[in-house]
Amino acid sequence: MRLMVIVIFLLGLAPVAAFATDVGFEEVRISNGAEPPLIVGIWYPTDSPATSSALGDVTQTVARGAPLAGNRLPLVVMSHGGAGWYGSHYDTALALAHAGFVAAAVSHAGDTFDDQSRVLQLWRRPAQLHRLIDYMLDDWHGHAQLDATRVGAFGFSNGGFTVLVAAGAIPDLSTIGPFCQTHADQDLCEALRHFGVDVHSIANVPTDAWVHDPRIGALVIAAPSFGFAFGRTGLSGVHAPVQLWSAADDRHQPHPDYDEPVRDHLPRAPDFHMVANAGHYDFLPPCDARLSRLRPEICISLPGFDRAAFHEQFNVNVVDFFKRMLR
């Protein structure tokens, strides 16, 4: 054990929970100004034994409220897609925690499964992510064991948009109205109509409404929404390395209008992955039988696509990217 610690020191690597074997978990509420607190899920390395525990409609193996293990731990904040919640990517959070990261995911108030009241007030999301980073680095009970120089961000769909903005991008929301006039049959535009969103009411969002966080040193995004709203100029402020995932059969947000503009216009080429035969919601964890009955539109994959097998490899790749980029 002493030799292992010496090797870690000589390699210049932080002893990231080197001997932790399980994952701790807790749910917290953090200040959101004059609004109700934001609800956050946090996964982290621990030496305490984990047990089976319910998380919404799924079950995870965690040690609830256990002590945090390790020092100088890297942090990854996570942003879910529209109508999601902090547990939307729990399997990726578990994989990160097993690898020695602290993963903290926020439920974006106004754009969750039980509250779609502010679904297109997209500027709220990066501000909420910024509050999450502040909380984790300054106020969380384990903040002294985090490394503030190693912060990553993960986002899916609306969450991909969120972390791009947080990392320095500036979108032009005035493009959404004309886009949906031309592409009225796209699922995203149909959803906006379903929720009664006036896409023209947000055409003049000032650039200072978008909150950036220079502490973000790497980002992983999957099927980002509103990719067409950035352009080369809007993405010019994103300097952190990006891993970008695209579903080849994404019928909700077809990649030529969403993923490819991001891929082509980032200042530096991303680590790009096109997933054959995958749909938009295949970036969500596999569903159990009950959720499949309740939400077949997000649970059923195309014939021949093994979502469980994909997520095993997806999580390995995400963890490896953050390990390499957040040294």
C-alpha atoms as a PDB file:
ATOM      1  CA  MET A   1       0.000   0.000   0.000  1.00  0.00           C
ATOM      2  CA  ARG A   2       2.875   2.379   0.860  1.00  0.00           C
ATOM      3  CA  LEU A   3       4.495   1.617  -2.511  1.00  0.00           C
ATOM      4  CA  MET A   4       1.223   2.430  -4.313  1.00  0.00           C
ATOM      5  CA  VAL A   5       0.988   5.811  -2.595  1.00  0.00           C
ATOM      6  CA  ILE A   6       4.607   6.573  -3.556  1.00  0.00           C
ATOM      7  CA  VAL A   7       3.907   5.680  -7.207  1.00  0.00           C
ATOM      8  CA  ILE A   8       0.853   7.962  -7.249  1.00  0.00           C
ATOM      9  CA  PHE A   9       2.922  10.788  -5.793  1.00  0.00           C
ATOM     10  CA  LEU A  10       5.747  10.338  -8.284  1.00  0.00           C
ATOM     11  CA  LEU A  11       3.319  10.345 -11.211  1.00  0.00           C
ATOM     12  CA  GLY A  12       1.948  13.668 -10.028  1.00  0.00           C
ATOM     13  CA  LEU A  13      -1.555  12.292  -9.633  1.00  0.00           C
ATOM     14  CA  ALA A  14      -3.872  13.138  -6.780  1.00  0.00           C
ATOM     15  CA  PRO A  15      -4.731  10.187  -4.524  1.00  0.00           C
ATOM     16  CA  VAL A  16      -8.299  10.182  -5.834  1.00  0.00           C
ATOM     17  CA  ALA A  17     -10.052   7.948  -3.329  1.00  0.00           C
ATOM     18  CA  ALA A  18      -7.481   5.307  -4.258  1.00  0.00           C
ATOM     19  CA  PHE A  19      -8.766   2.792  -1.725  1.00  0.00           C
ATOM     20  CA  ALA A  20     -12.482   3.640  -1.707  1.00  0.00           C
ATOM     21  CA  THR A  21     -14.563   0.689  -2.871  1.00  0.00           C
ATOM     22  CA  ASP A  22     -18.119   1.999  -2.842  1.00  0.00           C
ATOM     23  CA  VAL A  23     -20.237   5.033  -3.674  1.00  0.00           C
ATOM     24  CA  GLY A  24     -21.866   7.371  -1.210  1.00  0.00           C
ATOM     25  CA  PHE A  25     -24.975   9.342  -2.068  1.00  0.00           C
ATOM     26  CA  GLU A  26     -26.972  12.205  -0.675  1.00  0.00           C
ATOM     27  CA  GLU A  27     -29.697  14.608  -1.732  1.00  0.00           C
ATOM     28  CA  VAL A  28     -29.299  18.246  -0.742  1.00  0.00           C
ATOM     29  CA  ARG A  29     -31.077  21.539  -1.293  1.00  0.00           C
ATOM     30  CA  ILE A  30     -29.087  24.611  -2.211  1.00  0.00           C
ATOM     31  CA  SER A  31     -29.955  28.294  -2.295  1.00  0.00           C
ATOM     32  CA  ASN A  32     -31.478  29.640  -5.503  1.00  0.00           C
ATOM     33  CA  GLY A  33     -31.886  33.289  -4.633  1.00  0.00           C
ATOM     34  CA  ALA A  34     -35.484  34.340  -4.080  1.00  0.00           C
ATOM     35  CA  GLU A  35     -36.790  31.086  -5.555  1.00  0.00           C
ATOM     36  CA  PRO A  36     -37.235  27.759  -3.751  1.00  0.00           C
ATOM     37  CA  PRO A  37     -34.000  25.803  -3.223  1.00  0.00           C
ATOM     38  CA  LEU A  38     -32.556  23.685  -6.010  1.00  0.00           C
ATOM     39  CA  ILE A  39     -32.617  19.928  -5.422  1.00  0.00           C
ATOM     40  CA  VAL A  40     -29.285  18.209  -6.036  1.00  0.00           C
ATOM     41  CA  GLY A  41     -28.073  14.601  -6.001  1.00  0.00           C
ATOM     42  CA  ILE A  42     -24.423  13.956  -5.113  1.00  0.00           C
ATOM     43  CA  TRP A  43     -22.486  10.718  -5.699  1.00  0.00           C
ATOM     44  CA  TYR A  44     -19.009  10.343  -4.231  1.00  0.00           C
ATOM     45  CA  PRO A  45     -16.336   7.776  -3.263  1.00  0.00           C
ATOM     46  CA  THR A  46     -16.659   6.203   0.166  1.00  0.00           C
ATOM     47  CA  ASP A  47     -15.242   3.329   2.172  1.00  0.00           C
ATOM     48  CA  SER A  48     -18.620   2.566   3.723  1.00  0.00           C
ATOM     49  CA  PRO A  49     -20.495  -0.508   2.471  1.00  0.00           C
ATOM     50  CA  ALA A  50     -23.221   0.207  -0.086  1.00  0.00           C
ATOM     51  CA  THR A  51     -26.702  -1.288  -0.134  1.00  0.00           C
ATOM     52  CA  SER A  52     -29.597  -1.290  -2.554  1.00  0.00           C
ATOM     53  CA  SER A  53     -31.536   1.979  -2.407  1.00  0.00           C
ATOM     54  CA  ALA A  54     -34.442   3.463  -4.371  1.00  0.00           C
ATOM     55  CA  LEU A  55     -33.856   6.502  -6.563  1.00  0.00           C
ATOM     56  CA  GLY A  56     -37.125   7.508  -8.123  1.00  0.00           C
ATOM     57  CA  ASP A  57     -38.228   4.616 -10.328  1.00  0.00           C
ATOM     58  CA  VAL A  58     -34.839   2.874 -10.279  1.00  0.00           C
ATOM     59  CA  THR A  59     -32.586   1.182  -7.751  1.00  0.00           C
ATOM     60  CA  GLN A  60     -28.958   2.056  -7.138  1.00  0.00           C
ATOM     61  CA  THR A  61     -26.315   0.527  -4.881  1.00  0.00           C
ATOM     62  CA  VAL A  62     -25.007   3.316  -2.652  1.00  0.00           C
ATOM     63  CA  ALA A  63     -24.149   4.175   0.941  1.00  0.00           C
ATOM     64  CA  ARG A  64     -26.554   6.989   1.818  1.00  0.00           C
ATOM     65  CA  GLY A  65     -24.994   9.757   3.880  1.00  0.00           C
ATOM     66  CA  ALA A  66     -21.669   7.939   4.197  1.00  0.00           C
ATOM     67  CA  PRO A  67     -18.359   9.780   4.784  1.00  0.00           C
ATOM     68  CA  LEU A  68     -16.464  11.032   1.739  1.00  0.00           C
ATOM     69  CA  ALA A  69     -13.192   9.197   1.036  1.00  0.00           C
ATOM     70  CA  GLY A  70     -10.141  10.795  -0.598  1.00  0.00           C
ATOM     71  CA  ASN A  71      -8.605  14.224  -1.074  1.00  0.00           C
ATOM     72  CA  ARG A  72      -8.098  16.585  -4.015  1.00  0.00           C
ATOM     73  CA  LEU A  73     -11.056  14.921  -5.697  1.00  0.00           C
ATOM     74  CA  PRO A  74     -12.194  16.136  -9.125  1.00  0.00           C
ATOM     75  CA  LEU A  75     -15.772  17.357  -9.487  1.00  0.00           C
ATOM     76  CA  VAL A  76     -18.198  16.780 -12.372  1.00  0.00           C
ATOM     77  CA  VAL A  77     -21.473  18.705 -12.385  1.00  0.00           C
ATOM     78  CA  MET A  78     -24.344  17.260 -14.405  1.00  0.00           C
ATOM     79  CA  SER A  79     -27.231  18.855 -16.314  1.00  0.00           C
ATOM     80  CA  HIS A  80     -30.239  16.781 -17.402  1.00  0.00           C
ATOM     81  CA  GLY A  81     -32.401  17.124 -20.503  1.00  0.00           C
ATOM     82  CA  GLY A  82     -35.787  18.783 -20.731  1.00  0.00           C
ATOM     83  CA  ALA A  83     -38.398  17.306 -18.390  1.00  0.00           C
ATOM     84  CA  GLY A  84     -35.713  15.321 -16.560  1.00  0.00           C
ATOM     85  CA  TRP A  85     -34.347  15.518 -13.018  1.00  0.00           C
ATOM     86  CA  TYR A  86     -31.085  15.079 -11.143  1.00  0.00           C
ATOM     87  CA  GLY A  87     -31.347  11.284 -11.313  1.00  0.00           C
ATOM     88  CA  SER A  88     -31.660  11.187 -15.095  1.00  0.00           C
ATOM     89  CA  HIS A  89     -28.043  10.030 -15.533  1.00  0.00           C
ATOM     90  CA  TYR A  90     -27.509   8.194 -12.279  1.00  0.00           C
ATOM     91  CA  ASP A  91     -25.559   5.371 -13.953  1.00  0.00           C
ATOM     92  CA  THR A  92     -22.972   7.800 -15.303  1.00  0.00           C
ATOM     93  CA  ALA A  93     -22.796   9.497 -11.897  1.00  0.00           C
ATOM     94  CA  LEU A  94     -22.192   6.108 -10.265  1.00  0.00           C
ATOM     95  CA  ALA A  95     -19.435   5.302 -12.779  1.00  0.00           C
ATOM     96  CA  LEU A  96     -17.747   8.636 -12.089  1.00  0.00           C
ATOM     97  CA  ALA A  97     -17.915   8.132  -8.326  1.00  0.00           C
ATOM     98  CA  HIS A  98     -16.503   4.607  -8.609  1.00  0.00           C
ATOM     99  CA  ALA A  99     -13.605   6.151 -10.563  1.00  0.00           C
ATOM    100  CA  GLY A 100     -12.850   8.670  -7.808  1.00  0.00           C
ATOM    101  CA  PHE A 101     -14.870  11.679  -8.936  1.00  0.00           C
ATOM    102  CA  VAL A 102     -17.574  13.554  -7.073  1.00  0.00           C
ATOM    103  CA  ALA A 103     -20.619  13.858  -9.357  1.00  0.00           C
ATOM    104  CA  ALA A 104     -23.275  16.456  -8.520  1.00  0.00           C
ATOM    105  CA  ALA A 105     -26.471  16.749 -10.568  1.00  0.00           C
ATOM    106  CA  VAL A 106     -29.077  19.485 -10.258  1.00  0.00           C
ATOM    107  CA  SER A 107     -32.799  19.330 -11.017  1.00  0.00           C
ATOM    108  CA  HIS A 108     -33.286  22.420 -13.180  1.00  0.00           C
ATOM    109  CA  ALA A 109     -36.252  24.266 -11.669  1.00  0.00           C
ATOM    110  CA  GLY A 110     -38.823  25.029 -14.358  1.00  0.00           C
ATOM    111  CA  ASP A 111     -37.621  22.270 -16.709  1.00  0.00           C
ATOM    112  CA  THR A 112     -38.217  19.010 -14.829  1.00  0.00           C
ATOM    113  CA  PHE A 113     -40.607  16.091 -15.257  1.00  0.00           C
ATOM    114  CA  ASP A 114     -43.038  17.674 -12.788  1.00  0.00           C
ATOM    115  CA  ASP A 115     -42.541  21.345 -13.693  1.00  0.00           C
ATOM    116  CA  GLN A 116     -42.345  22.616 -17.263  1.00  0.00           C
ATOM    117  CA  SER A 117     -43.343  26.172 -16.371  1.00  0.00           C
ATOM    118  CA  ARG A 118     -40.116  27.763 -17.660  1.00  0.00           C
ATOM    119  CA  VAL A 119     -39.004  25.278 -20.264  1.00  0.00           C
ATOM    120  CA  LEU A 120     -37.639  27.822 -22.759  1.00  0.00           C
ATOM    121  CA  GLN A 121     -36.132  30.219 -20.246  1.00  0.00           C
ATOM    122  CA  LEU A 122     -32.864  28.559 -21.089  1.00  0.00           C
ATOM    123  CA  TRP A 123     -30.723  31.264 -19.486  1.00  0.00           C
ATOM    124  CA  ARG A 124     -31.861  29.986 -16.069  1.00  0.00           C
ATOM    125  CA  ARG A 125     -30.061  26.684 -16.500  1.00  0.00           C
ATOM    126  CA  PRO A 126     -26.403  27.842 -16.702  1.00  0.00           C
ATOM    127  CA  ALA A 127     -27.055  30.147 -13.728  1.00  0.00           C
ATOM    128  CA  GLN A 128     -28.304  27.164 -11.735  1.00  0.00           C
ATOM    129  CA  LEU A 129     -25.242  25.133 -12.738  1.00  0.00           C
ATOM    130  CA  HIS A 130     -23.042  28.020 -11.584  1.00  0.00           C
ATOM    131  CA  ARG A 131     -24.814  27.984  -8.196  1.00  0.00           C
ATOM    132  CA  LEU A 132     -24.169  24.255  -7.984  1.00  0.00           C
ATOM    133  CA  ILE A 133     -20.428  24.673  -8.563  1.00  0.00           C
ATOM    134  CA  ASP A 134     -20.317  27.468  -5.976  1.00  0.00           C
ATOM    135  CA  TYR A 135     -22.086  25.251  -3.459  1.00  0.00           C
ATOM    136  CA  MET A 136     -19.897  22.219  -4.068  1.00  0.00           C
ATOM    137  CA  LEU A 137     -16.613  24.136  -3.830  1.00  0.00           C
ATOM    138  CA  ASP A 138     -17.531  26.491  -0.996  1.00  0.00           C
ATOM    139  CA  ASP A 139     -20.354  25.102   1.137  1.00  0.00           C
ATOM    140  CA  TRP A 140     -20.728  21.348   0.715  1.00  0.00           C
ATOM    141  CA  HIS A 141     -19.555  19.474   3.794  1.00  0.00           C
ATOM    142  CA  GLY A 142     -16.877  17.746   1.684  1.00  0.00           C
ATOM    143  CA  HIS A 143     -15.655  20.858  -0.136  1.00  0.00           C
ATOM    144  CA  ALA A 144     -12.223  20.797   1.529  1.00  0.00           C
ATOM    145  CA  GLN A 145     -11.597  17.412  -0.110  1.00  0.00           C
ATOM    146  CA  LEU A 146     -12.356  18.690  -3.620  1.00  0.00           C
ATOM    147  CA  ASP A 147      -9.832  20.056  -6.117  1.00  0.00           C
ATOM    148  CA  ALA A 148     -11.227  23.372  -7.386  1.00  0.00           C
ATOM    149  CA  THR A 149      -8.817  23.266 -10.340  1.00  0.00           C
ATOM    150  CA  ARG A 150     -10.414  20.087 -11.704  1.00  0.00           C
ATOM    151  CA  VAL A 151     -14.069  20.716 -12.550  1.00  0.00           C
ATOM    152  CA  GLY A 152     -15.909  19.070 -15.434  1.00  0.00           C
ATOM    153  CA  ALA A 153     -19.469  19.282 -16.713  1.00  0.00           C
ATOM    154  CA  PHE A 154     -21.760  16.661 -18.290  1.00  0.00           C
ATOM    155  CA  GLY A 155     -24.972  17.471 -20.133  1.00  0.00           C
ATOM    156  CA  PHE A 156     -27.603  15.750 -22.263  1.00  0.00           C
ATOM    157  CA  SER A 157     -30.026  17.466 -24.677  1.00  0.00           C
ATOM    158  CA  ASN A 158     -31.063  20.709 -22.920  1.00  0.00           C
ATOM    159  CA  GLY A 159     -28.260  19.850 -20.513  1.00  0.00           C
ATOM    160  CA  GLY A 160     -25.790  19.768 -23.411  1.00  0.00           C
ATOM    161  CA  PHE A 161     -26.910  23.279 -24.326  1.00  0.00           C
ATOM    162  CA  THR A 162     -26.541  24.245 -20.659  1.00  0.00           C
ATOM    163  CA  VAL A 163     -22.949  23.119 -20.223  1.00  0.00           C
ATOM    164  CA  LEU A 164     -21.912  24.667 -23.553  1.00  0.00           C
ATOM    165  CA  VAL A 165     -23.190  28.024 -22.314  1.00  0.00           C
ATOM    166  CA  ALA A 166     -21.612  27.481 -18.902  1.00  0.00           C
ATOM    167  CA  ALA A 167     -18.297  26.811 -20.659  1.00  0.00           C
ATOM    168  CA  GLY A 168     -18.462  30.092 -22.606  1.00  0.00           C
ATOM    169  CA  ALA A 169     -20.950  29.750 -25.489  1.00  0.00           C
ATOM    170  CA  ILE A 170     -23.526  32.438 -26.308  1.00  0.00           C
ATOM    171  CA  PRO A 171     -26.635  31.320 -28.244  1.00  0.00           C
ATOM    172  CA  ASP A 172     -28.943  33.417 -30.365  1.00  0.00           C
ATOM    173  CA  LEU A 173     -32.455  32.398 -29.317  1.00  0.00           C
ATOM    174  CA  SER A 174     -34.000  34.538 -32.051  1.00  0.00           C
ATOM    175  CA  THR A 175     -33.128  31.662 -34.396  1.00  0.00           C
ATOM    176  CA  ILE A 176     -35.594  29.275 -32.711  1.00  0.00           C
ATOM    177  CA  GLY A 177     -38.764  30.904 -34.088  1.00  0.00           C
ATOM    178  CA  PRO A 178     -37.690  30.828 -37.750  1.00  0.00           C
ATOM    179  CA  PHE A 179     -36.222  27.344 -37.287  1.00  0.00           C
ATOM    180  CA  CYS A 180     -39.510  25.956 -35.955  1.00  0.00           C
ATOM    181  CA  GLN A 181     -41.460  27.648 -38.740  1.00  0.00           C
ATOM    182  CA  THR A 182     -39.311  25.774 -41.243  1.00  0.00           C
ATOM    183  CA  HIS A 183     -39.126  22.534 -39.221  1.00  0.00           C
ATOM    184  CA  ALA A 184     -42.565  22.495 -37.600  1.00  0.00           C
ATOM    185  CA  ASP A 185     -42.701  18.698 -37.680  1.00  0.00           C
ATOM    186  CA  GLN A 186     -39.567  18.213 -35.583  1.00  0.00           C
ATOM    187  CA  ASP A 187     -40.275  16.743 -32.149  1.00  0.00           C
ATOM    188  CA  LEU A 188     -38.607  19.623 -30.331  1.00  0.00           C
ATOM    189  CA  CYS A 189     -40.744  22.241 -32.081  1.00  0.00           C
ATOM    190  CA  GLU A 190     -43.884  20.153 -31.514  1.00  0.00           C
ATOM    191  CA  ALA A 191     -43.011  19.926 -27.824  1.00  0.00           C
ATOM    192  CA  LEU A 192     -42.634  23.687 -27.555  1.00  0.00           C
ATOM    193  CA  ARG A 193     -46.070  24.124 -29.115  1.00  0.00           C
ATOM    194  CA  HIS A 194     -47.497  21.478 -26.784  1.00  0.00           C
ATOM    195  CA  PHE A 195     -46.287  23.410 -23.750  1.00  0.00           C
ATOM    196  CA  GLY A 196     -47.599  26.680 -25.179  1.00  0.00           C
ATOM    197  CA  VAL A 197     -44.160  28.240 -25.441  1.00  0.00           C
ATOM    198  CA  ASP A 198     -43.991  31.472 -27.431  1.00  0.00           C
ATOM    199  CA  VAL A 199     -40.675  31.079 -29.229  1.00  0.00           C
ATOM    200  CA  HIS A 200     -40.780  34.691 -30.406  1.00  0.00           C
ATOM    201  CA  SER A 201     -40.962  36.089 -26.866  1.00  0.00           C
ATOM    202  CA  ILE A 202     -37.310  35.234 -26.199  1.00  0.00           C
ATOM    203  CA  ALA A 203     -35.830  36.696 -29.370  1.00  0.00           C
ATOM    204  CA  ASN A 204     -34.038  39.544 -27.597  1.00  0.00           C
ATOM    205  CA  VAL A 205     -32.288  37.875 -24.688  1.00  0.00           C
ATOM    206  CA  PRO A 206     -29.296  40.088 -23.779  1.00  0.00           C
ATOM    207  CA  THR A 207     -25.910  38.426 -23.967  1.00  0.00           C
ATOM    208  CA  ASP A 208     -25.226  39.198 -20.300  1.00  0.00           C
ATOM    209  CA  ALA A 209     -28.135  36.909 -19.348  1.00  0.00           C
ATOM    210  CA  TRP A 210     -25.900  33.923 -20.075  1.00  0.00           C
ATOM    211  CA  VAL A 211     -23.827  32.923 -17.044  1.00  0.00           C
ATOM    212  CA  HIS A 212     -20.418  31.430 -17.798  1.00  0.00           C
ATOM    213  CA  ASP A 213     -18.173  29.574 -15.384  1.00  0.00           C
ATOM    214  CA  PRO A 214     -14.451  29.570 -16.236  1.00  0.00           C
ATOM    215  CA  ARG A 215     -13.848  26.894 -13.606  1.00  0.00           C
ATOM    216  CA  ILE A 216     -15.170  24.265 -16.031  1.00  0.00           C
ATOM    217  CA  GLY A 217     -12.117  22.573 -17.508  1.00  0.00           C
ATOM    218  CA  ALA A 218     -13.715  19.830 -19.645  1.00  0.00           C
ATOM    219  CA  LEU A 219     -17.190  18.934 -20.832  1.00  0.00           C
ATOM    220  CA  VAL A 220     -19.048  15.908 -22.156  1.00  0.00           C
ATOM    221  CA  ILE A 221     -22.222  16.632 -24.092  1.00  0.00           C
ATOM    222  CA  ALA A 222     -24.690  14.207 -25.663  1.00  0.00           C
ATOM    223  CA  ALA A 223     -27.276  15.211 -28.289  1.00  0.00           C
ATOM    224  CA  PRO A 224     -27.201  18.930 -27.387  1.00  0.00           C
ATOM    225  CA  SER A 225     -30.411  20.857 -28.012  1.00  0.00           C
ATOM    226  CA  PHE A 226     -30.581  24.063 -30.075  1.00  0.00           C
ATOM    227  CA  GLY A 227     -27.169  23.452 -31.622  1.00  0.00           C
ATOM    228  CA  PHE A 228     -28.219  25.563 -34.611  1.00  0.00           C
ATOM    229  CA  ALA A 229     -28.579  28.604 -32.312  1.00  0.00           C
ATOM    230  CA  PHE A 230     -24.849  29.013 -31.671  1.00  0.00           C
ATOM    231  CA  GLY A 231     -22.859  29.294 -34.871  1.00  0.00           C
ATOM    232  CA  ARG A 232     -19.110  29.749 -35.016  1.00  0.00           C
ATOM    233  CA  THR A 233     -19.231  33.120 -33.246  1.00  0.00           C
ATOM    234  CA  GLY A 234     -21.482  31.840 -30.457  1.00  0.00           C
ATOM    235  CA  LEU A 235     -19.158  28.921 -29.740  1.00  0.00           C
ATOM    236  CA  SER A 236     -15.929  30.912 -29.981  1.00  0.00           C
ATOM    237  CA  GLY A 237     -15.752  31.318 -26.194  1.00  0.00           C
ATOM    238  CA  VAL A 238     -15.664  27.567 -25.506  1.00  0.00           C
ATOM    239  CA  HIS A 239     -11.999  26.802 -24.864  1.00  0.00           C
ATOM    240  CA  ALA A 240     -12.294  23.667 -22.720  1.00  0.00           C
ATOM    241  CA  PRO A 241     -11.947  20.276 -24.420  1.00  0.00           C
ATOM    242  CA  VAL A 242     -15.255  18.697 -25.444  1.00  0.00           C
ATOM    243  CA  GLN A 243     -16.398  15.136 -25.904  1.00  0.00           C
ATOM    244  CA  LEU A 244     -19.501  15.179 -28.133  1.00  0.00           C
ATOM    245  CA  TRP A 245     -21.930  12.279 -28.573  1.00  0.00           C
ATOM    246  CA  SER A 246     -24.496  11.993 -31.348  1.00  0.00           C
ATOM    247  CA  ALA A 247     -27.208   9.377 -31.953  1.00  0.00           C
ATOM    248  CA  ALA A 248     -27.243   8.305 -35.601  1.00  0.00           C
ATOM    249  CA  ASP A 249     -31.019   7.780 -35.563  1.00  0.00           C
ATOM    250  CA  ASP A 250     -31.986  10.764 -33.397  1.00  0.00           C
ATOM    251  CA  ARG A 251     -35.528  11.550 -34.536  1.00  0.00           C
ATOM    252  CA  HIS A 252     -36.206  13.992 -31.694  1.00  0.00           C
ATOM    253  CA  GLN A 253     -33.289  16.287 -32.535  1.00  0.00           C
ATOM    254  CA  PRO A 254     -31.881  15.253 -35.926  1.00  0.00           C
ATOM    255  CA  HIS A 255     -28.120  15.641 -35.722  1.00  0.00           C
ATOM    256  CA  PRO A 256     -27.626  17.757 -38.892  1.00  0.00           C
ATOM    257  CA  ASP A 257     -29.385  20.630 -37.084  1.00  0.00           C
ATOM    258  CA  TYR A 258     -28.231  20.025 -33.526  1.00  0.00           C
ATOM    259  CA  ASP A 259     -25.045  18.007 -33.041  1.00  0.00           C
ATOM    260  CA  GLU A 260     -23.212  18.707 -36.291  1.00  0.00           C
ATOM    261  CA  PRO A 261     -23.308  22.533 -36.020  1.00  0.00           C
ATOM    262  CA  VAL A 262     -21.698  22.184 -32.587  1.00  0.00           C
ATOM    263  CA  ARG A 263     -19.113  19.723 -33.877  1.00  0.00           C
ATOM    264  CA  ASP A 264     -18.229  21.891 -36.865  1.00  0.00           C
ATOM    265  CA  HIS A 265     -18.148  25.281 -35.137  1.00  0.00           C
ATOM    266  CA  LEU A 266     -16.270  24.628 -31.886  1.00  0.00           C
ATOM    267  CA  PRO A 267     -12.878  26.404 -31.825  1.00  0.00           C
ATOM    268  CA  ARG A 268     -11.135  23.074 -31.325  1.00  0.00           C
ATOM    269  CA  ALA A 269     -12.353  19.797 -32.762  1.00  0.00           C
ATOM    270  CA  PRO A 270     -14.221  17.727 -30.171  1.00  0.00           C
ATOM    271  CA  ASP A 271     -13.727  14.076 -29.352  1.00  0.00           C
ATOM    272  CA  PHE A 272     -16.717  13.114 -31.513  1.00  0.00           C
ATOM    273  CA  HIS A 273     -18.700   9.871 -31.235  1.00  0.00           C
ATOM    274  CA  MET A 274     -21.545   8.915 -33.582  1.00  0.00           C
ATOM    275  CA  VAL A 275     -23.529   6.007 -32.082  1.00  0.00           C
ATOM    276  CA  ALA A 276     -24.936   3.713 -34.757  1.00  0.00           C
ATOM    277  CA  ASN A 277     -28.625   2.753 -34.528  1.00  0.00           C
ATOM    278  CA  ALA A 278     -29.110   4.893 -31.399  1.00  0.00           C
ATOM    279  CA  GLY A 279     -32.010   7.241 -30.779  1.00  0.00           C
ATOM    280  CA  HIS A 280     -32.100  10.446 -28.765  1.00  0.00           C
ATOM    281  CA  TYR A 281     -33.196   8.841 -25.505  1.00  0.00           C
ATOM    282  CA  ASP A 282     -30.664   6.029 -25.663  1.00  0.00           C
ATOM    283  CA  PHE A 283     -28.366   8.387 -23.755  1.00  0.00           C
ATOM    284  CA  LEU A 284     -30.680   7.828 -20.782  1.00  0.00           C
ATOM    285  CA  PRO A 285     -30.073   4.707 -18.678  1.00  0.00           C
ATOM    286  CA  PRO A 286     -32.014   1.528 -19.473  1.00  0.00           C
ATOM    287  CA  CYS A 287     -35.562   1.579 -18.101  1.00  0.00           C
ATOM    288  CA  ASP A 288     -37.144  -1.039 -15.891  1.00  0.00           C
ATOM    289  CA  ALA A 289     -40.424  -2.715 -16.883  1.00  0.00           C
ATOM    290  CA  ARG A 290     -42.582  -0.221 -15.001  1.00  0.00           C
ATOM    291  CA  LEU A 291     -40.987   2.876 -16.524  1.00  0.00           C
ATOM    292  CA  SER A 292     -41.114   1.243 -19.960  1.00  0.00           C
ATOM    293  CA  ARG A 293     -44.870   0.937 -19.594  1.00  0.00           C
ATOM    294  CA  LEU A 294     -45.268   4.504 -18.337  1.00  0.00           C
ATOM    295  CA  ARG A 295     -42.836   6.228 -20.740  1.00  0.00           C
ATOM    296  CA  PRO A 296     -42.316   4.010 -23.792  1.00  0.00           C
ATOM    297  CA  GLU A 297     -41.232   7.024 -25.872  1.00  0.00           C
ATOM    298  CA  ILE A 298     -38.030   7.398 -23.828  1.00  0.00           C
ATOM    299  CA  CYS A 299     -37.502   3.731 -23.009  1.00  0.00           C
ATOM    300  CA  ILE A 300     -37.888   1.732 -26.220  1.00  0.00           C
ATOM    301  CA  SER A 301     -34.807   1.518 -28.419  1.00  0.00           C
ATOM    302  CA  LEU A 302     -34.659   0.494 -32.068  1.00  0.00           C
ATOM    303  CA  PRO A 303     -34.513  -3.260 -32.765  1.00  0.00           C
ATOM    304  CA  GLY A 304     -30.989  -4.547 -32.342  1.00  0.00           C
ATOM    305  CA  PHE A 305     -29.776  -1.681 -30.137  1.00  0.00           C
ATOM    306  CA  ASP A 306     -28.636  -2.886 -26.713  1.00  0.00           C
ATOM    307  CA  ARG A 307     -28.959   0.168 -24.467  1.00  0.00           C
ATOM    308  CA  ALA A 308     -27.482  -1.577 -21.432  1.00  0.00           C
ATOM    309  CA  ALA A 309     -24.369  -2.670 -23.337  1.00  0.00           C
ATOM    310  CA  PHE A 310     -24.026   0.788 -24.871  1.00  0.00           C
ATOM    311  CA  HIS A 311     -24.149   2.483 -21.470  1.00  0.00           C
ATOM    312  CA  GLU A 312     -21.403   0.255 -20.124  1.00  0.00           C
ATOM    313  CA  GLN A 313     -19.076   1.462 -22.882  1.00  0.00           C
ATOM    314  CA  PHE A 314     -20.436   5.022 -22.854  1.00  0.00           C
ATOM    315  CA  ASN A 315     -19.682   5.403 -19.157  1.00  0.00           C
ATOM    316  CA  VAL A 316     -16.186   3.982 -19.602  1.00  0.00           C
ATOM    317  CA  ASN A 317     -15.499   6.541 -22.330  1.00  0.00           C
ATOM    318  CA  VAL A 318     -16.936   9.441 -20.327  1.00  0.00           C
ATOM    319  CA  VAL A 319     -14.872   8.543 -17.261  1.00  0.00           C
ATOM    320  CA  ASP A 320     -11.719   8.098 -19.356  1.00  0.00           C
ATOM    321  CA  PHE A 321     -12.202  11.511 -21.012  1.00  0.00           C
ATOM    322  CA  PHE A 322     -12.592  13.320 -17.698  1.00  0.00           C
ATOM    323  CA  LYS A 323      -9.599  11.453 -16.275  1.00  0.00           C
ATOM    324  CA  ARG A 324      -7.414  12.590 -19.150  1.00  0.00           C
ATOM    325  CA  MET A 325      -8.660  16.163 -19.299  1.00  0.00           C
ATOM    326  CA  LEU A 326      -8.896  16.929 -15.572  1.00  0.00           C
ATOM    327  CA  ARG A 327      -5.400  15.901 -14.530  1.00  0.00           C
END
